[in-house]
Amino acid sequence: MEIINIRTTQRTELVDITRLVQDAVDNLKLENGRVTLFIPHTTAAITINENADPDVKRDILYEINKTIPFEDGYHHFEGNAAAHIKASLFGFSETIFVEKGLLRLGTWQGIYFCEFDGPRQRKIWLQTLSV
């Protein structure tokens, strides 16, 4: 298992980690198989979405923050209940195929680390399976 360390800078943000994941695949010399990414945090997540237009990230964050506001009468004593809800909706893992050493993403797809309670130092666990 590899660990990718990431430092977020905002309360909520989507960080494109596609290059970091491809670099890990390169370092591990995975030719064909799968890479699984897992987020070991309860207020962060991972998703795959468009990485061509930066407005997509802005729109996703705008809507998720509007739908699940930071303050809404939550009972969780730490004050970050919205971050827990957002992370649960997005999910904590993704699996991506690797073929000929390359991530098999769609033309416009990128892999995003989703920060919902930052800024923080975070980890992404990465494990590969060769076929």
C-alpha atoms as a PDB file:
ATOM      1  CA  MET A   1       0.000   0.000   0.000  1.00  0.00           C
ATOM      2  CA  GLU A   2       1.150   3.515  -0.841  1.00  0.00           C
ATOM      3  CA  ILE A   3       0.180   6.654   1.041  1.00  0.00           C
ATOM      4  CA  ILE A   4      -0.305   9.966  -0.731  1.00  0.00           C
ATOM      5  CA  ASN A   5      -0.099  12.950   1.604  1.00  0.00           C
ATOM      6  CA  ILE A   6      -2.066  16.036   0.707  1.00  0.00           C
ATOM      7  CA  ARG A   7      -2.437  19.431   2.368  1.00  0.00           C
ATOM      8  CA  THR A   8      -5.729  21.202   1.765  1.00  0.00           C
ATOM      9  CA  THR A   9      -6.006  24.972   2.020  1.00  0.00           C
ATOM     10  CA  GLN A  10      -9.728  25.712   2.249  1.00  0.00           C
ATOM     11  CA  ARG A  11     -12.729  24.643   4.291  1.00  0.00           C
ATOM     12  CA  THR A  12     -14.237  22.906   1.273  1.00  0.00           C
ATOM     13  CA  GLU A  13     -12.367  22.190  -1.921  1.00  0.00           C
ATOM     14  CA  LEU A  14     -11.925  19.634  -4.657  1.00  0.00           C
ATOM     15  CA  VAL A  15      -8.254  18.890  -5.304  1.00  0.00           C
ATOM     16  CA  ASP A  16      -7.367  17.239  -8.602  1.00  0.00           C
ATOM     17  CA  ILE A  17      -5.121  14.302  -7.603  1.00  0.00           C
ATOM     18  CA  THR A  18      -5.081  12.559 -10.993  1.00  0.00           C
ATOM     19  CA  ARG A  19      -1.381  13.294 -11.569  1.00  0.00           C
ATOM     20  CA  LEU A  20      -0.472  12.109  -8.040  1.00  0.00           C
ATOM     21  CA  VAL A  21      -2.291   8.822  -8.627  1.00  0.00           C
ATOM     22  CA  GLN A  22      -0.685   8.330 -12.048  1.00  0.00           C
ATOM     23  CA  ASP A  23       2.730   9.029 -10.509  1.00  0.00           C
ATOM     24  CA  ALA A  24       2.080   6.347  -7.873  1.00  0.00           C
ATOM     25  CA  VAL A  25       1.051   3.862 -10.585  1.00  0.00           C
ATOM     26  CA  ASP A  26       4.271   4.712 -12.447  1.00  0.00           C
ATOM     27  CA  ASN A  27       6.405   4.268  -9.321  1.00  0.00           C
ATOM     28  CA  LEU A  28       4.768   0.924  -8.589  1.00  0.00           C
ATOM     29  CA  LYS A  29       5.299  -0.137 -12.215  1.00  0.00           C
ATOM     30  CA  LEU A  30       1.716  -1.363 -12.547  1.00  0.00           C
ATOM     31  CA  GLU A  31       1.094  -2.287 -16.183  1.00  0.00           C
ATOM     32  CA  ASN A  32      -2.411  -3.777 -16.104  1.00  0.00           C
ATOM     33  CA  GLY A  33      -4.816  -4.052 -13.210  1.00  0.00           C
ATOM     34  CA  ARG A  34      -6.655  -1.797 -10.827  1.00  0.00           C
ATOM     35  CA  VAL A  35      -5.811   0.899  -8.353  1.00  0.00           C
ATOM     36  CA  THR A  36      -8.054   1.453  -5.358  1.00  0.00           C
ATOM     37  CA  LEU A  37      -8.003   4.740  -3.472  1.00  0.00           C
ATOM     38  CA  PHE A  38      -9.362   4.967   0.066  1.00  0.00           C
ATOM     39  CA  ILE A  39      -9.817   8.076   2.202  1.00  0.00           C
ATOM     40  CA  PRO A  40      -9.248   7.269   5.908  1.00  0.00           C
ATOM     41  CA  HIS A  41     -11.029  10.411   7.140  1.00  0.00           C
ATOM     42  CA  THR A  42     -14.676  10.922   8.083  1.00  0.00           C
ATOM     43  CA  THR A  43     -14.877  14.504   6.802  1.00  0.00           C
ATOM     44  CA  ALA A  44     -13.218  14.004   3.412  1.00  0.00           C
ATOM     45  CA  ALA A  45     -14.049  11.918   0.354  1.00  0.00           C
ATOM     46  CA  ILE A  46     -13.055  11.059  -3.191  1.00  0.00           C
ATOM     47  CA  THR A  47     -14.860  11.387  -6.497  1.00  0.00           C
ATOM     48  CA  ILE A  48     -14.300  11.229 -10.238  1.00  0.00           C
ATOM     49  CA  ASN A  49     -15.661  14.034 -12.394  1.00  0.00           C
ATOM     50  CA  GLU A  50     -14.800  16.435 -15.202  1.00  0.00           C
ATOM     51  CA  ASN A  51     -11.379  18.066 -14.988  1.00  0.00           C
ATOM     52  CA  ALA A  52     -11.455  20.138 -18.184  1.00  0.00           C
ATOM     53  CA  ASP A  53     -13.564  23.068 -16.972  1.00  0.00           C
ATOM     54  CA  PRO A  54     -12.727  24.448 -13.498  1.00  0.00           C
ATOM     55  CA  ASP A  55     -16.266  25.779 -13.205  1.00  0.00           C
ATOM     56  CA  VAL A  56     -17.456  22.198 -12.657  1.00  0.00           C
ATOM     57  CA  LYS A  57     -15.550  22.060  -9.342  1.00  0.00           C
ATOM     58  CA  ARG A  58     -16.957  25.447  -8.363  1.00  0.00           C
ATOM     59  CA  ASP A  59     -20.499  24.377  -9.237  1.00  0.00           C
ATOM     60  CA  ILE A  60     -20.227  21.103  -7.303  1.00  0.00           C
ATOM     61  CA  LEU A  61     -18.968  22.882  -4.187  1.00  0.00           C
ATOM     62  CA  TYR A  62     -21.551  25.650  -4.543  1.00  0.00           C
ATOM     63  CA  GLU A  63     -24.443  23.178  -4.688  1.00  0.00           C
ATOM     64  CA  ILE A  64     -23.203  20.809  -1.977  1.00  0.00           C
ATOM     65  CA  ASN A  65     -22.578  23.731   0.401  1.00  0.00           C
ATOM     66  CA  LYS A  66     -26.013  25.165  -0.393  1.00  0.00           C
ATOM     67  CA  THR A  67     -27.752  21.790   0.031  1.00  0.00           C
ATOM     68  CA  ILE A  68     -25.858  20.886   3.209  1.00  0.00           C
ATOM     69  CA  PRO A  69     -25.027  24.194   4.928  1.00  0.00           C
ATOM     70  CA  PHE A  70     -22.345  24.435   7.611  1.00  0.00           C
ATOM     71  CA  GLU A  71     -24.856  25.647  10.198  1.00  0.00           C
ATOM     72  CA  ASP A  72     -28.255  23.975  10.270  1.00  0.00           C
ATOM     73  CA  GLY A  73     -29.061  23.045  13.853  1.00  0.00           C
ATOM     74  CA  TYR A  74     -26.895  19.897  13.865  1.00  0.00           C
ATOM     75  CA  HIS A  75     -26.341  18.112  17.178  1.00  0.00           C
ATOM     76  CA  HIS A  76     -22.770  16.884  16.579  1.00  0.00           C
ATOM     77  CA  PHE A  77     -20.716  18.666  19.248  1.00  0.00           C
ATOM     78  CA  GLU A  78     -17.568  19.213  17.139  1.00  0.00           C
ATOM     79  CA  GLY A  79     -19.389  21.582  14.784  1.00  0.00           C
ATOM     80  CA  ASN A  80     -18.515  19.716  11.578  1.00  0.00           C
ATOM     81  CA  ALA A  81     -21.647  17.620  11.044  1.00  0.00           C
ATOM     82  CA  ALA A  82     -22.084  19.045   7.536  1.00  0.00           C
ATOM     83  CA  ALA A  83     -18.627  17.723   6.596  1.00  0.00           C
ATOM     84  CA  HIS A  84     -19.528  14.225   7.814  1.00  0.00           C
ATOM     85  CA  ILE A  85     -22.738  14.252   5.776  1.00  0.00           C
ATOM     86  CA  LYS A  86     -21.007  15.494   2.622  1.00  0.00           C
ATOM     87  CA  ALA A  87     -18.242  12.887   2.917  1.00  0.00           C
ATOM     88  CA  SER A  88     -20.788  10.099   3.330  1.00  0.00           C
ATOM     89  CA  LEU A  89     -22.663  11.214   0.224  1.00  0.00           C
ATOM     90  CA  PHE A  90     -19.538  11.393  -1.933  1.00  0.00           C
ATOM     91  CA  GLY A  91     -17.927   8.213  -0.601  1.00  0.00           C
ATOM     92  CA  PHE A  92     -14.568   7.088   0.714  1.00  0.00           C
ATOM     93  CA  SER A  93     -13.147   4.984  -2.126  1.00  0.00           C
ATOM     94  CA  GLU A  94     -12.754   4.706  -5.880  1.00  0.00           C
ATOM     95  CA  THR A  95     -11.323   1.961  -8.076  1.00  0.00           C
ATOM     96  CA  ILE A  96      -9.779   2.813 -11.436  1.00  0.00           C
ATOM     97  CA  PHE A  97      -8.615   0.422 -14.143  1.00  0.00           C
ATOM     98  CA  VAL A  98      -4.996   0.607 -15.302  1.00  0.00           C
ATOM     99  CA  GLU A  99      -4.060  -0.484 -18.818  1.00  0.00           C
ATOM    100  CA  LYS A 100      -0.548  -0.312 -20.291  1.00  0.00           C
ATOM    101  CA  GLY A 101       0.562   1.671 -17.246  1.00  0.00           C
ATOM    102  CA  LEU A 102      -2.088   4.384 -17.628  1.00  0.00           C
ATOM    103  CA  LEU A 103      -5.180   5.211 -15.616  1.00  0.00           C
ATOM    104  CA  ARG A 104      -8.225   4.327 -17.724  1.00  0.00           C
ATOM    105  CA  LEU A 105     -10.307   7.439 -17.154  1.00  0.00           C
ATOM    106  CA  GLY A 106     -12.762   8.949 -19.588  1.00  0.00           C
ATOM    107  CA  THR A 107     -11.610  11.789 -21.847  1.00  0.00           C
ATOM    108  CA  TRP A 108     -12.707  14.537 -19.468  1.00  0.00           C
ATOM    109  CA  GLN A 109     -12.448  12.688 -16.155  1.00  0.00           C
ATOM    110  CA  GLY A 110     -10.148  13.461 -13.250  1.00  0.00           C
ATOM    111  CA  ILE A 111      -9.821  12.118  -9.721  1.00  0.00           C
ATOM    112  CA  TYR A 112     -10.654  14.562  -6.940  1.00  0.00           C
ATOM    113  CA  PHE A 113      -9.887  14.571  -3.244  1.00  0.00           C
ATOM    114  CA  CYS A 114     -12.898  16.216  -1.588  1.00  0.00           C
ATOM    115  CA  GLU A 115     -12.144  18.322   1.474  1.00  0.00           C
ATOM    116  CA  PHE A 116     -15.160  19.222   3.604  1.00  0.00           C
ATOM    117  CA  ASP A 117     -13.522  20.248   6.909  1.00  0.00           C
ATOM    118  CA  GLY A 118     -10.261  21.930   6.044  1.00  0.00           C
ATOM    119  CA  PRO A 119      -7.720  23.127   5.836  1.00  0.00           C
ATOM    120  CA  ARG A 120      -5.961  19.986   7.005  1.00  0.00           C
ATOM    121  CA  GLN A 121      -3.156  17.541   6.379  1.00  0.00           C
ATOM    122  CA  ARG A 122      -4.768  14.448   4.808  1.00  0.00           C
ATOM    123  CA  LYS A 123      -3.856  10.980   3.570  1.00  0.00           C
ATOM    124  CA  ILE A 124      -5.000   8.931   0.620  1.00  0.00           C
ATOM    125  CA  TRP A 125      -4.359   5.197   0.815  1.00  0.00           C
ATOM    126  CA  LEU A 126      -3.578   3.617  -2.538  1.00  0.00           C
ATOM    127  CA  GLN A 127      -3.421  -0.098  -3.279  1.00  0.00           C
ATOM    128  CA  THR A 128      -2.915  -1.813  -6.617  1.00  0.00           C
ATOM    129  CA  LEU A 129      -3.929  -5.157  -8.027  1.00  0.00           C
ATOM    130  CA  SER A 130      -2.053  -6.519 -11.012  1.00  0.00           C
ATOM    131  CA  VAL A 131      -3.840  -8.735 -13.547  1.00  0.00           C
END
